PDB file of N, CA and C in Angstrom:
ATOM      1  N   MET A   1     -11.448  21.819  -4.217  1.00  0.00           N
ATOM      2  CA  MET A   1     -10.333  20.770  -4.228  1.00  0.00           C
ATOM      3  C   MET A   1     -11.122  19.286  -4.326  1.00  0.00           C
ATOM      4  N   PRO A   2     -10.705  18.500  -5.207  1.00  0.00           N
ATOM      5  CA  PRO A   2     -11.499  17.157  -5.409  1.00  0.00           C
ATOM      6  C   PRO A   2     -11.526  16.319  -4.042  1.00  0.00           C
ATOM      7  N   LYS A   3     -12.581  15.386  -3.961  1.00  0.00           N
ATOM      8  CA  LYS A   3     -12.615  14.690  -2.698  1.00  0.00           C
ATOM      9  C   LYS A   3     -11.572  13.431  -2.885  1.00  0.00           C
ATOM     10  N   PRO A   4     -10.697  12.951  -1.891  1.00  0.00           N
ATOM     11  CA  PRO A   4      -9.755  12.105  -2.048  1.00  0.00           C
ATOM     12  C   PRO A   4     -10.428  10.620  -2.352  1.00  0.00           C
ATOM     13  N   TYR A   5      -9.848   9.735  -3.065  1.00  0.00           N
ATOM     14  CA  TYR A   5     -10.090   8.566  -3.070  1.00  0.00           C
ATOM     15  C   TYR A   5     -10.209   7.739  -1.929  1.00  0.00           C
ATOM     16  N   PRO A   6     -10.938   6.922  -1.684  1.00  0.00           N
ATOM     17  CA  PRO A   6     -10.943   6.039  -0.452  1.00  0.00           C
ATOM     18  C   PRO A   6      -9.736   5.079  -0.585  1.00  0.00           C
ATOM     19  N   ALA A   7      -9.016   4.802   0.931  1.00  0.00           N
ATOM     20  CA  ALA A   7      -7.946   3.989   0.893  1.00  0.00           C
ATOM     21  C   ALA A   7      -7.979   2.741   0.523  1.00  0.00           C
ATOM     22  N   GLU A   8      -9.042   1.869   0.539  1.00  0.00           N
ATOM     23  CA  GLU A   8      -9.465   0.739  -0.202  1.00  0.00           C
ATOM     24  C   GLU A   8      -9.117   0.686  -1.448  1.00  0.00           C
ATOM     25  N   PHE A   9      -9.789   1.726  -2.136  1.00  0.00           N
ATOM     26  CA  PHE A   9      -9.878   1.829  -3.553  1.00  0.00           C
ATOM     27  C   PHE A   9      -8.356   1.861  -4.204  1.00  0.00           C
ATOM     28  N   ARG A  10      -7.672   2.899  -3.414  1.00  0.00           N
ATOM     29  CA  ARG A  10      -6.268   2.909  -3.556  1.00  0.00           C
ATOM     30  C   ARG A  10      -5.245   1.613  -3.660  1.00  0.00           C
ATOM     31  N   ARG A  11      -5.540   0.781  -2.343  1.00  0.00           N
ATOM     32  CA  ARG A  11      -5.019  -0.433  -2.410  1.00  0.00           C
ATOM     33  C   ARG A  11      -5.238  -1.405  -3.508  1.00  0.00           C
ATOM     34  N   ASP A  12      -6.592  -1.277  -4.056  1.00  0.00           N
ATOM     35  CA  ASP A  12      -7.021  -2.227  -4.975  1.00  0.00           C
ATOM     36  C   ASP A  12      -6.328  -1.828  -6.264  1.00  0.00           C
ATOM     37  N   VAL A  13      -6.516  -0.586  -6.539  1.00  0.00           N
ATOM     38  CA  VAL A  13      -5.797   0.115  -7.713  1.00  0.00           C
ATOM     39  C   VAL A  13      -4.250  -0.127  -7.821  1.00  0.00           C
ATOM     40  N   ILE A  14      -3.584  -0.129  -6.529  1.00  0.00           N
ATOM     41  CA  ILE A  14      -2.321  -0.539  -6.593  1.00  0.00           C
ATOM     42  C   ILE A  14      -1.899  -2.083  -6.755  1.00  0.00           C
ATOM     43  N   ALA A  15      -2.850  -2.796  -6.235  1.00  0.00           N
ATOM     44  CA  ALA A  15      -2.533  -4.266  -6.362  1.00  0.00           C
ATOM     45  C   ALA A  15      -2.609  -4.826  -8.069  1.00  0.00           C
ATOM     46  N   VAL A  16      -3.778  -4.143  -8.527  1.00  0.00           N
ATOM     47  CA  VAL A  16      -3.941  -4.548  -9.938  1.00  0.00           C
ATOM     48  C   VAL A  16      -2.766  -3.797 -10.748  1.00  0.00           C
ATOM     49  N   ALA A  17      -2.372  -2.649 -10.505  1.00  0.00           N
ATOM     50  CA  ALA A  17      -1.311  -2.129 -11.161  1.00  0.00           C
ATOM     51  C   ALA A  17      -0.036  -3.022 -11.083  1.00  0.00           C
ATOM     52  N   ARG A  18       0.228  -3.462  -9.866  1.00  0.00           N
ATOM     53  CA  ARG A  18       1.581  -4.335  -9.615  1.00  0.00           C
ATOM     54  C   ARG A  18       1.511  -5.781 -10.325  1.00  0.00           C
ATOM     55  N   LYS A  19       0.053  -6.248 -10.099  1.00  0.00           N
ATOM     56  CA  LYS A  19       0.173  -7.519 -10.882  1.00  0.00           C
ATOM     57  C   LYS A  19      -0.038  -7.798 -12.069  1.00  0.00           C
ATOM     58  N   SER A  20      -0.688  -6.817 -12.899  1.00  0.00           N
ATOM     59  CA  SER A  20      -1.322  -6.710 -14.186  1.00  0.00           C
ATOM     60  C   SER A  20       0.084  -6.469 -15.166  1.00  0.00           C
ATOM     61  N   GLU A  21      -0.154  -7.018 -16.367  1.00  0.00           N
ATOM     62  CA  GLU A  21       0.921  -6.926 -17.264  1.00  0.00           C
ATOM     63  C   GLU A  21       0.786  -5.549 -18.381  1.00  0.00           C
ATOM     64  N   ALA A  22      -0.749  -5.045 -17.879  1.00  0.00           N
ATOM     65  CA  ALA A  22      -1.026  -4.084 -18.574  1.00  0.00           C
ATOM     66  C   ALA A  22      -0.132  -2.845 -18.062  1.00  0.00           C
ATOM     67  N   SER A  23       0.084  -1.773 -18.900  1.00  0.00           N
ATOM     68  CA  SER A  23       0.773  -0.527 -18.621  1.00  0.00           C
ATOM     69  C   SER A  23      -0.012   0.206 -17.561  1.00  0.00           C
ATOM     70  N   VAL A  24       1.017   1.080 -16.877  1.00  0.00           N
ATOM     71  CA  VAL A  24       0.469   2.139 -16.134  1.00  0.00           C
ATOM     72  C   VAL A  24      -0.800   2.959 -16.439  1.00  0.00           C
ATOM     73  N   ALA A  25      -0.686   3.478 -17.803  1.00  0.00           N
ATOM     74  CA  ALA A  25      -1.546   4.153 -18.472  1.00  0.00           C
ATOM     75  C   ALA A  25      -2.921   3.410 -18.538  1.00  0.00           C
ATOM     76  N   GLN A  26      -2.827   2.365 -19.051  1.00  0.00           N
ATOM     77  CA  GLN A  26      -4.033   1.595 -19.235  1.00  0.00           C
ATOM     78  C   GLN A  26      -4.588   1.007 -17.800  1.00  0.00           C
ATOM     79  N   VAL A  27      -4.167   0.733 -16.797  1.00  0.00           N
ATOM     80  CA  VAL A  27      -4.654   0.431 -15.557  1.00  0.00           C
ATOM     81  C   VAL A  27      -5.230   1.656 -14.942  1.00  0.00           C
ATOM     82  N   ALA A  28      -4.699   2.939 -15.231  1.00  0.00           N
ATOM     83  CA  ALA A  28      -5.180   4.375 -14.879  1.00  0.00           C
ATOM     84  C   ALA A  28      -6.423   4.478 -15.548  1.00  0.00           C
ATOM     85  N   LYS A  29      -6.682   4.082 -16.657  1.00  0.00           N
ATOM     86  CA  LYS A  29      -7.642   4.553 -17.630  1.00  0.00           C
ATOM     87  C   LYS A  29      -8.846   3.601 -17.184  1.00  0.00           C
ATOM     88  N   ASP A  30      -8.494   2.549 -16.914  1.00  0.00           N
ATOM     89  CA  ASP A  30      -9.327   1.211 -16.762  1.00  0.00           C
ATOM     90  C   ASP A  30     -10.100   1.803 -15.359  1.00  0.00           C
ATOM     91  N   PHE A  31      -9.653   2.352 -14.313  1.00  0.00           N
ATOM     92  CA  PHE A  31     -10.101   2.747 -13.195  1.00  0.00           C
ATOM     93  C   PHE A  31     -10.534   4.112 -13.116  1.00  0.00           C
ATOM     94  N   GLY A  32     -10.243   4.876 -14.331  1.00  0.00           N
ATOM     95  CA  GLY A  32     -10.935   6.179 -14.331  1.00  0.00           C
ATOM     96  C   GLY A  32     -10.014   7.318 -13.415  1.00  0.00           C
ATOM     97  N   ILE A  33      -8.726   7.116 -13.437  1.00  0.00           N
ATOM     98  CA  ILE A  33      -7.940   8.061 -12.723  1.00  0.00           C
ATOM     99  C   ILE A  33      -6.665   8.467 -13.468  1.00  0.00           C
ATOM    100  N   SER A  34      -6.068   9.556 -13.367  1.00  0.00           N
ATOM    101  CA  SER A  34      -5.013  10.018 -14.342  1.00  0.00           C
ATOM    102  C   SER A  34      -3.654   8.960 -13.853  1.00  0.00           C
ATOM    103  N   GLU A  35      -2.880   9.062 -15.005  1.00  0.00           N
ATOM    104  CA  GLU A  35      -1.666   8.227 -15.003  1.00  0.00           C
ATOM    105  C   GLU A  35      -0.831   8.904 -14.017  1.00  0.00           C
ATOM    106  N   THR A  36      -0.675  10.117 -13.788  1.00  0.00           N
ATOM    107  CA  THR A  36       0.463  10.688 -12.898  1.00  0.00           C
ATOM    108  C   THR A  36      -0.049  10.367 -11.474  1.00  0.00           C
ATOM    109  N   CYS A  37      -1.644  10.499 -11.297  1.00  0.00           N
ATOM    110  CA  CYS A  37      -2.025   9.965  -9.850  1.00  0.00           C
ATOM    111  C   CYS A  37      -1.533   8.507  -9.559  1.00  0.00           C
ATOM    112  N   LEU A  38      -2.076   7.575 -10.571  1.00  0.00           N
ATOM    113  CA  LEU A  38      -1.348   6.114 -10.141  1.00  0.00           C
ATOM    114  C   LEU A  38       0.144   6.008  -9.949  1.00  0.00           C
ATOM    115  N   GLN A  39       0.809   6.965 -10.804  1.00  0.00           N
ATOM    116  CA  GLN A  39       2.374   6.775 -10.671  1.00  0.00           C
ATOM    117  C   GLN A  39       2.627   7.333  -9.257  1.00  0.00           C
ATOM    118  N   ARG A  40       2.129   8.186  -8.829  1.00  0.00           N
ATOM    119  CA  ARG A  40       2.360   8.666  -7.404  1.00  0.00           C
ATOM    120  C   ARG A  40       1.873   7.802  -6.359  1.00  0.00           C
ATOM    121  N   TRP A  41       0.740   7.110  -6.358  1.00  0.00           N
ATOM    122  CA  TRP A  41       0.315   6.113  -5.612  1.00  0.00           C
ATOM    123  C   TRP A  41       1.394   4.949  -5.454  1.00  0.00           C
ATOM    124  N   LEU A  42       1.699   4.544  -6.672  1.00  0.00           N
ATOM    125  CA  LEU A  42       2.578   3.422  -6.763  1.00  0.00           C
ATOM    126  C   LEU A  42       4.058   3.877  -6.011  1.00  0.00           C
ATOM    127  N   LYS A  43       4.521   5.010  -6.280  1.00  0.00           N
ATOM    128  CA  LYS A  43       5.799   5.485  -5.568  1.00  0.00           C
ATOM    129  C   LYS A  43       5.559   5.210  -4.311  1.00  0.00           C
ATOM    130  N   ILE A  44       4.632   5.873  -3.565  1.00  0.00           N
ATOM    131  CA  ILE A  44       4.314   6.157  -2.234  1.00  0.00           C
ATOM    132  C   ILE A  44       4.197   4.485  -1.747  1.00  0.00           C
ATOM    133  N   ALA A  45       3.460   3.864  -2.333  1.00  0.00           N
ATOM    134  CA  ALA A  45       3.297   2.618  -1.925  1.00  0.00           C
ATOM    135  C   ALA A  45       4.608   1.576  -1.786  1.00  0.00           C
ATOM    136  N   ASP A  46       5.290   1.965  -2.812  1.00  0.00           N
ATOM    137  CA  ASP A  46       6.764   1.254  -3.081  1.00  0.00           C
ATOM    138  C   ASP A  46       7.387   1.559  -1.559  1.00  0.00           C
ATOM    139  N   ARG A  47       7.471   3.002  -1.444  1.00  0.00           N
ATOM    140  CA  ARG A  47       8.164   3.473  -0.324  1.00  0.00           C
ATOM    141  C   ARG A  47       7.838   3.013   0.886  1.00  0.00           C
ATOM    142  N   GLU A  48       6.454   2.968   1.179  1.00  0.00           N
ATOM    143  CA  GLU A  48       5.993   2.294   2.332  1.00  0.00           C
ATOM    144  C   GLU A  48       6.108   0.889   2.514  1.00  0.00           C
ATOM    145  N   ASP A  49       6.054  -0.125   1.540  1.00  0.00           N
ATOM    146  CA  ASP A  49       6.440  -1.473   1.685  1.00  0.00           C
ATOM    147  C   ASP A  49       7.894  -1.630   1.486  1.00  0.00           C
ATOM    148  N   GLY A  50       8.688  -0.699   1.380  1.00  0.00           N
ATOM    149  CA  GLY A  50      10.103  -1.050   1.745  1.00  0.00           C
ATOM    150  C   GLY A  50      10.546  -1.381   0.082  1.00  0.00           C
ATOM    151  N   PHE A  51      10.031  -1.052  -0.915  1.00  0.00           N
ATOM    152  CA  PHE A  51      10.569  -1.503  -2.400  1.00  0.00           C
ATOM    153  C   PHE A  51      11.468  -0.441  -2.952  1.00  0.00           C
ATOM    154  N   ALA A  52      11.176   0.824  -2.292  1.00  0.00           N
ATOM    155  CA  ALA A  52      11.958   1.805  -2.934  1.00  0.00           C
ATOM    156  C   ALA A  52      12.492   2.305  -1.795  1.00  0.00           C
ATOM    157  N   PRO A  53      13.730   3.041  -2.020  1.00  0.00           N
ATOM    158  CA  PRO A  53      14.490   3.779  -0.826  1.00  0.00           C
ATOM    159  C   PRO A  53      13.787   5.275  -0.294  1.00  0.00           C
ATOM    160  N   PRO A  54      13.531   5.494   0.843  1.00  0.00           N
ATOM    161  CA  PRO A  54      13.125   6.762   1.120  1.00  0.00           C
ATOM    162  C   PRO A  54      13.886   7.919   0.524  1.00  0.00           C
ATOM    163  N   ASN A  55      13.244   9.117   0.436  1.00  0.00           N
ATOM    164  CA  ASN A  55      13.896  10.255   0.031  1.00  0.00           C
ATOM    165  C   ASN A  55      14.973  10.539   0.895  1.00  0.00           C
ATOM    166  N   SER A  56      16.255  10.940   0.073  1.00  0.00           N
ATOM    167  CA  SER A  56      17.430  11.308   0.956  1.00  0.00           C
ATOM    168  C   SER A  56      17.194  12.390   1.884  1.00  0.00           C
ATOM    169  N   SER A  57      16.266  13.187   1.744  1.00  0.00           N
ATOM    170  CA  SER A  57      16.203  14.256   2.519  1.00  0.00           C
ATOM    171  C   SER A  57      15.328  14.154   3.954  1.00  0.00           C
ATOM    172  N   ASP A  58      14.997  12.645   3.704  1.00  0.00           N
ATOM    173  CA  ASP A  58      13.951  12.295   4.940  1.00  0.00           C
ATOM    174  C   ASP A  58      15.170  11.856   6.134  1.00  0.00           C
ATOM    175  N   ARG A  59      16.171  11.454   5.522  1.00  0.00           N
ATOM    176  CA  ARG A  59      17.016  10.832   6.509  1.00  0.00           C
ATOM    177  C   ARG A  59      18.450  11.492   6.663  1.00  0.00           C
ATOM    178  N   GLY A  60      19.240  11.414   7.679  1.00  0.00           N
ATOM    179  CA  GLY A  60      20.551  12.146   7.592  1.00  0.00           C
ATOM    180  C   GLY A  60      21.730  10.906   7.459  1.00  0.00           C
ATOM    181  N   GLY A  61      21.964  10.372   6.327  1.00  0.00           N
ATOM    182  CA  GLY A  61      23.195   9.495   6.167  1.00  0.00           C
ATOM    183  C   GLY A  61      22.714   8.050   6.415  1.00  0.00           C
ATOM    184  N   GLY A  62      23.571   7.325   6.986  1.00  0.00           N
ATOM    185  CA  GLY A  62      23.310   5.813   7.268  1.00  0.00           C
ATOM    186  C   GLY A  62      24.046   4.846   6.291  1.00  0.00           C
ATOM    187  N   SER A  63      24.539   3.799   6.539  1.00  0.00           N
ATOM    188  CA  SER A  63      25.148   2.820   5.730  1.00  0.00           C
ATOM    189  C   SER A  63      24.061   2.019   4.915  1.00  0.00           C
ATOM    190  N   LYS A  64      24.457   1.394   4.053  1.00  0.00           N
ATOM    191  CA  LYS A  64      23.709   0.612   2.884  1.00  0.00           C
ATOM    192  C   LYS A  64      23.000  -0.655   3.764  1.00  0.00           C
ATOM    193  N   ASP A  65      23.876  -1.130   4.729  1.00  0.00           N
ATOM    194  CA  ASP A  65      23.252  -2.378   5.485  1.00  0.00           C
ATOM    195  C   ASP A  65      21.975  -1.875   6.389  1.00  0.00           C
ATOM    196  N   GLU A  66      22.040  -0.466   7.037  1.00  0.00           N
ATOM    197  CA  GLU A  66      21.128   0.014   7.640  1.00  0.00           C
ATOM    198  C   GLU A  66      19.900   0.246   7.032  1.00  0.00           C
ATOM    199  N   SER A  67      20.186   0.799   5.621  1.00  0.00           N
ATOM    200  CA  SER A  67      18.925   1.165   4.730  1.00  0.00           C
ATOM    201  C   SER A  67      18.269  -0.239   4.285  1.00  0.00           C
ATOM    202  N   ALA A  68      19.159  -1.167   4.150  1.00  0.00           N
ATOM    203  CA  ALA A  68      18.420  -2.479   3.777  1.00  0.00           C
ATOM    204  C   ALA A  68      17.580  -2.877   4.730  1.00  0.00           C
ATOM    205  N   GLU A  69      18.183  -2.959   5.898  1.00  0.00           N
ATOM    206  CA  GLU A  69      17.476  -3.465   7.197  1.00  0.00           C
ATOM    207  C   GLU A  69      16.148  -2.751   7.596  1.00  0.00           C
ATOM    208  N   LEU A  70      16.223  -1.331   7.431  1.00  0.00           N
ATOM    209  CA  LEU A  70      15.072  -0.507   7.623  1.00  0.00           C
ATOM    210  C   LEU A  70      14.211  -0.943   6.544  1.00  0.00           C
ATOM    211  N   ARG A  71      14.362  -1.113   5.360  1.00  0.00           N
ATOM    212  CA  ARG A  71      13.499  -1.327   4.284  1.00  0.00           C
ATOM    213  C   ARG A  71      12.818  -2.587   4.442  1.00  0.00           C
ATOM    214  N   GLU A  72      13.569  -3.522   4.837  1.00  0.00           N
ATOM    215  CA  GLU A  72      13.127  -5.121   5.310  1.00  0.00           C
ATOM    216  C   GLU A  72      12.051  -4.852   6.761  1.00  0.00           C
ATOM    217  N   LEU A  73      12.431  -3.971   7.495  1.00  0.00           N
ATOM    218  CA  LEU A  73      11.652  -3.870   8.797  1.00  0.00           C
ATOM    219  C   LEU A  73      10.349  -3.046   8.531  1.00  0.00           C
ATOM    220  N   ARG A  74      10.286  -2.241   7.568  1.00  0.00           N
ATOM    221  CA  ARG A  74       8.972  -1.539   7.137  1.00  0.00           C
ATOM    222  C   ARG A  74       8.291  -2.403   6.322  1.00  0.00           C
ATOM    223  N   ARG A  75       8.836  -3.324   5.547  1.00  0.00           N
ATOM    224  CA  ARG A  75       8.007  -4.110   4.680  1.00  0.00           C
ATOM    225  C   ARG A  75       7.334  -5.250   5.714  1.00  0.00           C
ATOM    226  N   ARG A  76       8.172  -5.777   6.616  1.00  0.00           N
ATOM    227  CA  ARG A  76       7.743  -6.788   7.531  1.00  0.00           C
ATOM    228  C   ARG A  76       6.453  -5.922   8.559  1.00  0.00           C
ATOM    229  N   ASN A  77       6.756  -4.854   8.886  1.00  0.00           N
ATOM    230  CA  ASN A  77       5.822  -4.067   9.626  1.00  0.00           C
ATOM    231  C   ASN A  77       4.586  -4.112   9.037  1.00  0.00           C
ATOM    232  N   LYS A  78       4.406  -3.622   7.575  1.00  0.00           N
ATOM    233  CA  LYS A  78       3.269  -3.470   6.621  1.00  0.00           C
ATOM    234  C   LYS A  78       2.509  -4.745   6.529  1.00  0.00           C
ATOM    235  N   LEU A  79       3.299  -5.917   6.372  1.00  0.00           N
ATOM    236  CA  LEU A  79       2.875  -7.138   6.192  1.00  0.00           C
ATOM    237  C   LEU A  79       1.934  -7.629   7.507  1.00  0.00           C
ATOM    238  N   LEU A  80       2.579  -7.349   8.840  1.00  0.00           N
ATOM    239  CA  LEU A  80       1.921  -7.669   9.974  1.00  0.00           C
ATOM    240  C   LEU A  80       0.807  -6.790  10.132  1.00  0.00           C
ATOM    241  N   GLU A  81       0.734  -5.483   9.994  1.00  0.00           N
ATOM    242  CA  GLU A  81      -0.456  -4.495   9.942  1.00  0.00           C
ATOM    243  C   GLU A  81      -1.564  -5.181   9.100  1.00  0.00           C
ATOM    244  N   GLN A  82      -1.329  -5.714   7.946  1.00  0.00           N
ATOM    245  CA  GLN A  82      -2.263  -6.042   7.002  1.00  0.00           C
ATOM    246  C   GLN A  82      -2.667  -7.438   7.554  1.00  0.00           C
ATOM    247  N   GLU A  83      -1.996  -8.357   8.178  1.00  0.00           N
ATOM    248  CA  GLU A  83      -2.545  -9.576   8.670  1.00  0.00           C
ATOM    249  C   GLU A  83      -3.356  -9.262   9.974  1.00  0.00           C
ATOM    250  N   ASN A  84      -2.943  -8.404  10.914  1.00  0.00           N
ATOM    251  CA  ASN A  84      -3.712  -7.799  11.854  1.00  0.00           C
ATOM    252  C   ASN A  84      -5.105  -7.181  11.422  1.00  0.00           C
ATOM    253  N   GLU A  85      -5.277  -6.495  10.393  1.00  0.00           N
ATOM    254  CA  GLU A  85      -6.543  -6.087   9.979  1.00  0.00           C
ATOM    255  C   GLU A  85      -7.330  -7.172   9.491  1.00  0.00           C
ATOM    256  N   ILE A  86      -6.752  -8.139   8.673  1.00  0.00           N
ATOM    257  CA  ILE A  86      -7.479  -9.212   8.257  1.00  0.00           C
ATOM    258  C   ILE A  86      -8.157 -10.108   9.485  1.00  0.00           C
ATOM    259  N   LEU A  87      -7.326 -10.481  10.598  1.00  0.00           N
ATOM    260  CA  LEU A  87      -7.869 -10.806  11.797  1.00  0.00           C
ATOM    261  C   LEU A  87      -8.892 -10.258  12.452  1.00  0.00           C
ATOM    262  N   ARG A  88      -8.679  -8.856  12.501  1.00  0.00           N
ATOM    263  CA  ARG A  88      -9.794  -7.932  13.052  1.00  0.00           C
ATOM    264  C   ARG A  88     -11.114  -8.226  12.232  1.00  0.00           C
ATOM    265  N   ARG A  89     -10.887  -8.248  11.065  1.00  0.00           N
ATOM    266  CA  ARG A  89     -12.336  -8.349  10.248  1.00  0.00           C
ATOM    267  C   ARG A  89     -12.925  -9.493  10.215  1.00  0.00           C
ATOM    268  N   ALA A  90     -11.974 -10.626  10.565  1.00  0.00           N
ATOM    269  CA  ALA A  90     -12.552 -12.109  10.438  1.00  0.00           C
ATOM    270  C   ALA A  90     -13.249 -12.164  11.906  1.00  0.00           C
ATOM    271  N   THR A  91     -12.536 -11.701  12.971  1.00  0.00           N
ATOM    272  CA  THR A  91     -13.319 -11.743  14.209  1.00  0.00           C
ATOM    273  C   THR A  91     -14.530 -11.161  14.384  1.00  0.00           C
ATOM    274  N   ALA A  92     -14.773  -9.928  13.695  1.00  0.00           N
ATOM    275  CA  ALA A  92     -15.977  -9.018  13.618  1.00  0.00           C
ATOM    276  C   ALA A  92     -17.040  -9.881  12.939  1.00  0.00           C
ATOM    277  N   TYR A  93     -16.576 -10.562  11.945  1.00  0.00           N
ATOM    278  CA  TYR A  93     -17.467 -11.012  11.124  1.00  0.00           C
ATOM    279  C   TYR A  93     -18.172 -12.375  11.789  1.00  0.00           C
ATOM    280  N   PHE A  94     -17.134 -13.230  12.454  1.00  0.00           N
ATOM    281  CA  PHE A  94     -17.714 -14.283  13.093  1.00  0.00           C
ATOM    282  C   PHE A  94     -18.364 -13.928  14.535  1.00  0.00           C
ATOM    283  N   ALA A  95     -18.076 -12.746  15.063  1.00  0.00           N
ATOM    284  CA  ALA A  95     -18.843 -12.438  16.454  1.00  0.00           C
ATOM    285  C   ALA A  95     -20.024 -11.898  16.065  1.00  0.00           C
ATOM    286  N   ARG A  96     -20.384 -11.403  14.960  1.00  0.00           N
ATOM    287  CA  ARG A  96     -21.729 -11.053  14.744  1.00  0.00           C
ATOM    288  C   ARG A  96     -22.856 -12.136  14.713  1.00  0.00           C
ATOM    289  N   ASP A  97     -22.230 -13.659  14.396  1.00  0.00           N
ATOM    290  CA  ASP A  97     -23.129 -14.542  14.334  1.00  0.00           C
ATOM    291  C   ASP A  97     -23.304 -15.298  15.690  1.00  0.00           C
ATOM    292  N   VAL A  98     -22.595 -15.038  16.840  1.00  0.00           N
ATOM    293  CA  VAL A  98     -22.353 -15.487  17.946  1.00  0.00           C
ATOM    294  C   VAL A  98     -23.361 -14.576  19.074  1.00  0.00           C
ATOM    295  N   LEU A  99     -23.147 -13.230  18.769  1.00  0.00           N
ATOM    296  CA  LEU A  99     -24.125 -12.193  19.348  1.00  0.00           C
ATOM    297  C   LEU A  99     -25.435 -12.363  19.568  1.00  0.00           C
ATOM    298  N   PRO A 100     -26.281 -12.257  20.584  1.00  0.00           N
ATOM    299  CA  PRO A 100     -27.658 -12.380  20.630  1.00  0.00           C
ATOM    300  C   PRO A 100     -28.259 -11.199  19.938  1.00  0.00           C
ATOM    301  N   LYS A 101     -29.399 -11.504  19.171  1.00  0.00           N
ATOM    302  CA  LYS A 101     -30.236 -10.221  18.687  1.00  0.00           C
ATOM    303  C   LYS A 101     -30.955  -9.631  19.196  1.00  0.00           C
TER     304      LYS A 101
END
């Protein structure tokens, strides 16, 4: 089984694919991954970020208002997690200058 790509690499490829005007096939070729792999990553990222509805088999029913609210809450949660990660890294970066050697 091939070694999985690092999460940071996946995030970078997904960001480029979302922002780029190039096709999914071209972005996949540029990064050296298969087109189907990139499509799968995009689908998963959309679902995690609240851009696409989760699979109907994952949940049992629910109104459209609840689905929209759940998507919004998931999107907001993802954003807060990213902000938290940025702050954690910034703290570690600045703390290394303060600590005695």
